[in-house]
């Protein structure tokens, strides 16, 4: 191997990698080259004022206006979010004021029930041998059938719990769609 650069001489002068950094160590007492170490002392007239004159007031036009007159009162408190613009339906599950549908309507116009689909499904999976999920939704006939057959030996209760959780059109005893 040769020490020659195969691309020719560098247009920037000497190769910085050929220098030994330990050859040019500064002597004690000499200032380091600019850009290393602590910043140089500030020129007079900048920074904090000389002497102990206490706190310096901010220049005019900055900060909170002192003595600029009475402070305006805060705006009156609002009551939650503003009402939605006209033409938008209320979000599902909100009380719409209709006594036939206290929890609103689904996208097909059917009223939501006050019973939850998730609660009914979990009750049916855990206590389906006693028909608890169907008692919760108000289907007492089906619940009694599950109670007397121990949930169809557990198979009927398991399938019914899965259908309650996964189905989209499960209703309560009044024919309202289960929420959730």
C-alpha atoms as a PDB file:
ATOM      1  CA  UNK A   1       0.000   0.000   0.000  1.00  0.00           C
ATOM      2  CA  UNK A   2       1.191   3.434  -0.733  1.00  0.00           C
ATOM      3  CA  UNK A   3       0.520   6.624   1.195  1.00  0.00           C
ATOM      4  CA  UNK A   4      -0.541   8.412  -1.945  1.00  0.00           C
ATOM      5  CA  UNK A   5      -4.161   9.487  -2.404  1.00  0.00           C
ATOM      6  CA  UNK A   6      -5.509   7.716  -5.524  1.00  0.00           C
ATOM      7  CA  UNK A   7      -7.716  10.736  -6.254  1.00  0.00           C
ATOM      8  CA  UNK A   8      -4.924  13.265  -6.277  1.00  0.00           C
ATOM      9  CA  UNK A   9      -4.234  16.195  -3.961  1.00  0.00           C
ATOM     10  CA  UNK A  10      -7.013  17.631  -1.822  1.00  0.00           C
ATOM     11  CA  UNK A  11      -8.323  21.003  -3.019  1.00  0.00           C
ATOM     12  CA  UNK A  12      -8.613  22.046   0.667  1.00  0.00           C
ATOM     13  CA  UNK A  13      -4.965  21.827   1.522  1.00  0.00           C
ATOM     14  CA  UNK A  14      -3.490  19.352   3.965  1.00  0.00           C
ATOM     15  CA  UNK A  15      -5.230  16.130   4.909  1.00  0.00           C
ATOM     16  CA  UNK A  16      -6.498  16.608   8.502  1.00  0.00           C
ATOM     17  CA  UNK A  17      -6.169  12.894   9.189  1.00  0.00           C
ATOM     18  CA  UNK A  18      -2.408  12.923   8.631  1.00  0.00           C
ATOM     19  CA  UNK A  19      -1.777  15.369  11.509  1.00  0.00           C
ATOM     20  CA  UNK A  20      -0.956  14.130  14.959  1.00  0.00           C
ATOM     21  CA  UNK A  21      -3.279  15.933  17.372  1.00  0.00           C
ATOM     22  CA  UNK A  22      -0.757  15.536  20.219  1.00  0.00           C
ATOM     23  CA  UNK A  23       1.943  17.552  18.471  1.00  0.00           C
ATOM     24  CA  UNK A  24       0.236  20.921  18.797  1.00  0.00           C
ATOM     25  CA  UNK A  25      -0.761  21.038  22.463  1.00  0.00           C
ATOM     26  CA  UNK A  26      -1.221  24.548  23.813  1.00  0.00           C
ATOM     27  CA  UNK A  27       1.065  25.587  26.635  1.00  0.00           C
ATOM     28  CA  UNK A  28      -0.300  26.451  30.056  1.00  0.00           C
ATOM     29  CA  UNK A  29      -1.408  30.057  30.347  1.00  0.00           C
ATOM     30  CA  UNK A  30      -2.201  30.438  26.656  1.00  0.00           C
ATOM     31  CA  UNK A  31      -5.878  30.853  25.792  1.00  0.00           C
ATOM     32  CA  UNK A  32      -7.498  28.020  23.886  1.00  0.00           C
ATOM     33  CA  UNK A  33      -8.458  28.574  20.281  1.00  0.00           C
ATOM     34  CA  UNK A  34     -11.844  30.232  19.760  1.00  0.00           C
ATOM     35  CA  UNK A  35     -14.812  27.905  19.890  1.00  0.00           C
ATOM     36  CA  UNK A  36     -13.523  25.707  22.731  1.00  0.00           C
ATOM     37  CA  UNK A  37     -14.140  25.876  26.468  1.00  0.00           C
ATOM     38  CA  UNK A  38     -16.089  28.553  28.296  1.00  0.00           C
ATOM     39  CA  UNK A  39     -17.486  31.553  26.417  1.00  0.00           C
ATOM     40  CA  UNK A  40     -15.415  34.729  26.574  1.00  0.00           C
ATOM     41  CA  UNK A  41     -16.454  37.348  29.130  1.00  0.00           C
ATOM     42  CA  UNK A  42     -19.272  39.589  27.938  1.00  0.00           C
ATOM     43  CA  UNK A  43     -18.580  43.056  26.723  1.00  0.00           C
ATOM     44  CA  UNK A  44     -19.595  45.852  29.099  1.00  0.00           C
ATOM     45  CA  UNK A  45     -23.150  47.046  28.640  1.00  0.00           C
ATOM     46  CA  UNK A  46     -24.707  43.613  28.167  1.00  0.00           C
ATOM     47  CA  UNK A  47     -26.350  41.290  30.676  1.00  0.00           C
ATOM     48  CA  UNK A  48     -27.128  42.276  34.249  1.00  0.00           C
ATOM     49  CA  UNK A  49     -26.343  45.804  35.389  1.00  0.00           C
ATOM     50  CA  UNK A  50     -23.218  46.286  37.458  1.00  0.00           C
ATOM     51  CA  UNK A  51     -23.765  46.746  41.171  1.00  0.00           C
ATOM     52  CA  UNK A  52     -26.593  45.636  43.413  1.00  0.00           C
ATOM     53  CA  UNK A  53     -29.443  47.944  42.426  1.00  0.00           C
ATOM     54  CA  UNK A  54     -32.306  45.478  43.108  1.00  0.00           C
ATOM     55  CA  UNK A  55     -34.891  44.206  40.651  1.00  0.00           C
ATOM     56  CA  UNK A  56     -35.003  45.927  37.318  1.00  0.00           C
ATOM     57  CA  UNK A  57     -38.497  46.837  36.060  1.00  0.00           C
ATOM     58  CA  UNK A  58     -39.425  45.482  32.640  1.00  0.00           C
ATOM     59  CA  UNK A  59     -39.402  47.872  29.736  1.00  0.00           C
ATOM     60  CA  UNK A  60     -42.752  49.532  28.982  1.00  0.00           C
ATOM     61  CA  UNK A  61     -45.071  47.549  26.743  1.00  0.00           C
ATOM     62  CA  UNK A  62     -44.149  44.117  28.155  1.00  0.00           C
ATOM     63  CA  UNK A  63     -46.050  41.870  30.548  1.00  0.00           C
ATOM     64  CA  UNK A  64     -49.316  42.510  32.346  1.00  0.00           C
ATOM     65  CA  UNK A  65     -50.450  46.153  32.145  1.00  0.00           C
ATOM     66  CA  UNK A  66     -50.164  47.601  35.646  1.00  0.00           C
ATOM     67  CA  UNK A  67     -52.668  50.303  36.469  1.00  0.00           C
ATOM     68  CA  UNK A  68     -54.184  50.264  32.995  1.00  0.00           C
ATOM     69  CA  UNK A  69     -57.748  50.392  34.297  1.00  0.00           C
ATOM     70  CA  UNK A  70     -60.295  47.888  35.526  1.00  0.00           C
ATOM     71  CA  UNK A  71     -59.956  44.280  34.489  1.00  0.00           C
ATOM     72  CA  UNK A  72     -62.893  43.125  32.323  1.00  0.00           C
ATOM     73  CA  UNK A  73     -65.110  40.490  33.966  1.00  0.00           C
ATOM     74  CA  UNK A  74     -64.754  36.891  32.793  1.00  0.00           C
ATOM     75  CA  UNK A  75     -67.316  35.609  30.305  1.00  0.00           C
ATOM     76  CA  UNK A  76     -70.410  33.940  31.794  1.00  0.00           C
ATOM     77  CA  UNK A  77     -69.976  30.197  32.372  1.00  0.00           C
ATOM     78  CA  UNK A  78     -71.409  27.910  29.749  1.00  0.00           C
ATOM     79  CA  UNK A  79     -73.305  24.733  30.347  1.00  0.00           C
ATOM     80  CA  UNK A  80     -71.272  22.063  28.554  1.00  0.00           C
ATOM     81  CA  UNK A  81     -70.764  21.909  24.830  1.00  0.00           C
ATOM     82  CA  UNK A  82     -72.789  24.093  22.507  1.00  0.00           C
ATOM     83  CA  UNK A  83     -75.740  22.399  20.808  1.00  0.00           C
ATOM     84  CA  UNK A  84     -75.006  20.738  17.464  1.00  0.00           C
ATOM     85  CA  UNK A  85     -75.926  22.663  14.338  1.00  0.00           C
ATOM     86  CA  UNK A  86     -79.317  22.035  12.771  1.00  0.00           C
ATOM     87  CA  UNK A  87     -79.524  18.934  10.597  1.00  0.00           C
ATOM     88  CA  UNK A  88     -77.392  16.648  12.786  1.00  0.00           C
ATOM     89  CA  UNK A  89     -78.893  13.725  14.689  1.00  0.00           C
ATOM     90  CA  UNK A  90     -78.013  13.347  18.381  1.00  0.00           C
ATOM     91  CA  UNK A  91     -75.349  10.771  19.180  1.00  0.00           C
ATOM     92  CA  UNK A  92     -76.599   7.256  19.964  1.00  0.00           C
ATOM     93  CA  UNK A  93     -77.535   6.661  23.576  1.00  0.00           C
ATOM     94  CA  UNK A  94     -78.538  10.244  24.400  1.00  0.00           C
ATOM     95  CA  UNK A  95     -81.934  11.055  25.868  1.00  0.00           C
ATOM     96  CA  UNK A  96     -83.998  12.565  23.091  1.00  0.00           C
ATOM     97  CA  UNK A  97     -87.064  13.457  25.137  1.00  0.00           C
ATOM     98  CA  UNK A  98     -89.224  10.805  23.457  1.00  0.00           C
ATOM     99  CA  UNK A  99     -90.831   8.596  26.149  1.00  0.00           C
ATOM    100  CA  UNK A 100     -91.146   5.705  23.671  1.00  0.00           C
ATOM    101  CA  UNK A 101     -87.402   5.824  22.971  1.00  0.00           C
ATOM    102  CA  UNK A 102     -85.610   7.226  26.044  1.00  0.00           C
ATOM    103  CA  UNK A 103     -82.188   6.209  24.661  1.00  0.00           C
ATOM    104  CA  UNK A 104     -82.753   7.334  21.081  1.00  0.00           C
ATOM    105  CA  UNK A 105     -83.169   5.454  17.837  1.00  0.00           C
ATOM    106  CA  UNK A 106     -80.843   3.184  15.891  1.00  0.00           C
ATOM    107  CA  UNK A 107     -79.965   4.008  12.239  1.00  0.00           C
ATOM    108  CA  UNK A 108     -83.035   2.067  11.052  1.00  0.00           C
ATOM    109  CA  UNK A 109     -85.405   4.112  13.231  1.00  0.00           C
ATOM    110  CA  UNK A 110     -85.978   1.457  15.895  1.00  0.00           C
ATOM    111  CA  UNK A 111     -85.856   2.650  19.532  1.00  0.00           C
ATOM    112  CA  UNK A 112     -82.987   1.580  21.768  1.00  0.00           C
ATOM    113  CA  UNK A 113     -83.699  -0.398  24.942  1.00  0.00           C
ATOM    114  CA  UNK A 114     -82.593   0.537  28.429  1.00  0.00           C
ATOM    115  CA  UNK A 115     -80.934  -2.894  28.627  1.00  0.00           C
ATOM    116  CA  UNK A 116     -77.363  -3.540  27.470  1.00  0.00           C
ATOM    117  CA  UNK A 117     -76.440  -6.254  24.986  1.00  0.00           C
ATOM    118  CA  UNK A 118     -73.058  -6.807  26.650  1.00  0.00           C
ATOM    119  CA  UNK A 119     -74.582  -7.190  30.109  1.00  0.00           C
ATOM    120  CA  UNK A 120     -77.158  -9.660  28.817  1.00  0.00           C
ATOM    121  CA  UNK A 121     -74.515 -11.711  26.981  1.00  0.00           C
ATOM    122  CA  UNK A 122     -72.104 -11.895  29.911  1.00  0.00           C
ATOM    123  CA  UNK A 123     -74.914 -12.841  32.315  1.00  0.00           C
ATOM    124  CA  UNK A 124     -76.014 -15.541  29.899  1.00  0.00           C
ATOM    125  CA  UNK A 125     -72.484 -16.928  29.545  1.00  0.00           C
ATOM    126  CA  UNK A 126     -71.807 -16.969  33.289  1.00  0.00           C
ATOM    127  CA  UNK A 127     -75.247 -17.854  34.703  1.00  0.00           C
ATOM    128  CA  UNK A 128     -76.986 -19.187  31.594  1.00  0.00           C
ATOM    129  CA  UNK A 129     -77.906 -22.454  33.271  1.00  0.00           C
ATOM    130  CA  UNK A 130     -80.400 -20.446  35.319  1.00  0.00           C
ATOM    131  CA  UNK A 131     -81.542 -18.273  32.380  1.00  0.00           C
ATOM    132  CA  UNK A 132     -80.335 -15.053  34.043  1.00  0.00           C
ATOM    133  CA  UNK A 133     -79.450 -13.324  30.742  1.00  0.00           C
ATOM    134  CA  UNK A 134     -82.976 -13.876  29.414  1.00  0.00           C
ATOM    135  CA  UNK A 135     -84.565 -12.819  32.695  1.00  0.00           C
ATOM    136  CA  UNK A 136     -82.523  -9.597  32.363  1.00  0.00           C
ATOM    137  CA  UNK A 137     -83.875  -8.856  28.886  1.00  0.00           C
ATOM    138  CA  UNK A 138     -87.444  -9.667  29.957  1.00  0.00           C
ATOM    139  CA  UNK A 139     -87.924 -12.887  27.989  1.00  0.00           C
ATOM    140  CA  UNK A 140     -89.340 -14.841  30.940  1.00  0.00           C
ATOM    141  CA  UNK A 141     -90.655 -17.774  28.884  1.00  0.00           C
ATOM    142  CA  UNK A 142     -87.277 -18.543  27.395  1.00  0.00           C
ATOM    143  CA  UNK A 143     -85.631 -17.930  30.783  1.00  0.00           C
ATOM    144  CA  UNK A 144     -87.920 -20.449  32.489  1.00  0.00           C
ATOM    145  CA  UNK A 145     -87.155 -23.006  29.767  1.00  0.00           C
ATOM    146  CA  UNK A 146     -83.434 -22.542  30.414  1.00  0.00           C
ATOM    147  CA  UNK A 147     -83.973 -22.713  34.157  1.00  0.00           C
ATOM    148  CA  UNK A 148     -85.869 -26.021  34.026  1.00  0.00           C
ATOM    149  CA  UNK A 149     -83.410 -27.665  31.593  1.00  0.00           C
ATOM    150  CA  UNK A 150     -80.278 -26.217  33.259  1.00  0.00           C
ATOM    151  CA  UNK A 151     -79.624 -24.190  30.149  1.00  0.00           C
ATOM    152  CA  UNK A 152     -80.085 -27.155  27.866  1.00  0.00           C
ATOM    153  CA  UNK A 153     -77.268 -28.942  29.721  1.00  0.00           C
ATOM    154  CA  UNK A 154     -75.162 -25.795  29.240  1.00  0.00           C
ATOM    155  CA  UNK A 155     -75.131 -25.947  25.443  1.00  0.00           C
ATOM    156  CA  UNK A 156     -78.236 -23.799  24.965  1.00  0.00           C
ATOM    157  CA  UNK A 157     -76.924 -21.226  27.470  1.00  0.00           C
ATOM    158  CA  UNK A 158     -73.512 -21.052  25.773  1.00  0.00           C
ATOM    159  CA  UNK A 159     -74.938 -20.596  22.279  1.00  0.00           C
ATOM    160  CA  UNK A 160     -77.515 -18.090  23.526  1.00  0.00           C
ATOM    161  CA  UNK A 161     -74.796 -16.046  25.275  1.00  0.00           C
ATOM    162  CA  UNK A 162     -72.687 -15.933  22.116  1.00  0.00           C
ATOM    163  CA  UNK A 163     -75.724 -14.917  20.039  1.00  0.00           C
ATOM    164  CA  UNK A 164     -76.570 -12.154  22.526  1.00  0.00           C
ATOM    165  CA  UNK A 165     -73.028 -10.781  22.347  1.00  0.00           C
ATOM    166  CA  UNK A 166     -72.481 -11.121  18.588  1.00  0.00           C
ATOM    167  CA  UNK A 167     -75.995 -10.451  17.242  1.00  0.00           C
ATOM    168  CA  UNK A 168     -77.034  -7.060  15.955  1.00  0.00           C
ATOM    169  CA  UNK A 169     -80.820  -7.341  16.160  1.00  0.00           C
ATOM    170  CA  UNK A 170     -81.316  -8.681  19.703  1.00  0.00           C
ATOM    171  CA  UNK A 171     -84.331  -7.081  21.383  1.00  0.00           C
ATOM    172  CA  UNK A 172     -85.795  -6.880  24.874  1.00  0.00           C
ATOM    173  CA  UNK A 173     -89.338  -7.975  25.828  1.00  0.00           C
ATOM    174  CA  UNK A 174     -90.820  -4.697  24.499  1.00  0.00           C
ATOM    175  CA  UNK A 175     -89.197  -5.183  21.082  1.00  0.00           C
ATOM    176  CA  UNK A 176     -86.553  -2.440  21.524  1.00  0.00           C
ATOM    177  CA  UNK A 177     -83.029  -3.096  20.239  1.00  0.00           C
ATOM    178  CA  UNK A 178     -80.469  -3.773  22.980  1.00  0.00           C
ATOM    179  CA  UNK A 179     -77.862  -1.036  23.421  1.00  0.00           C
ATOM    180  CA  UNK A 180     -74.127  -1.578  23.098  1.00  0.00           C
END
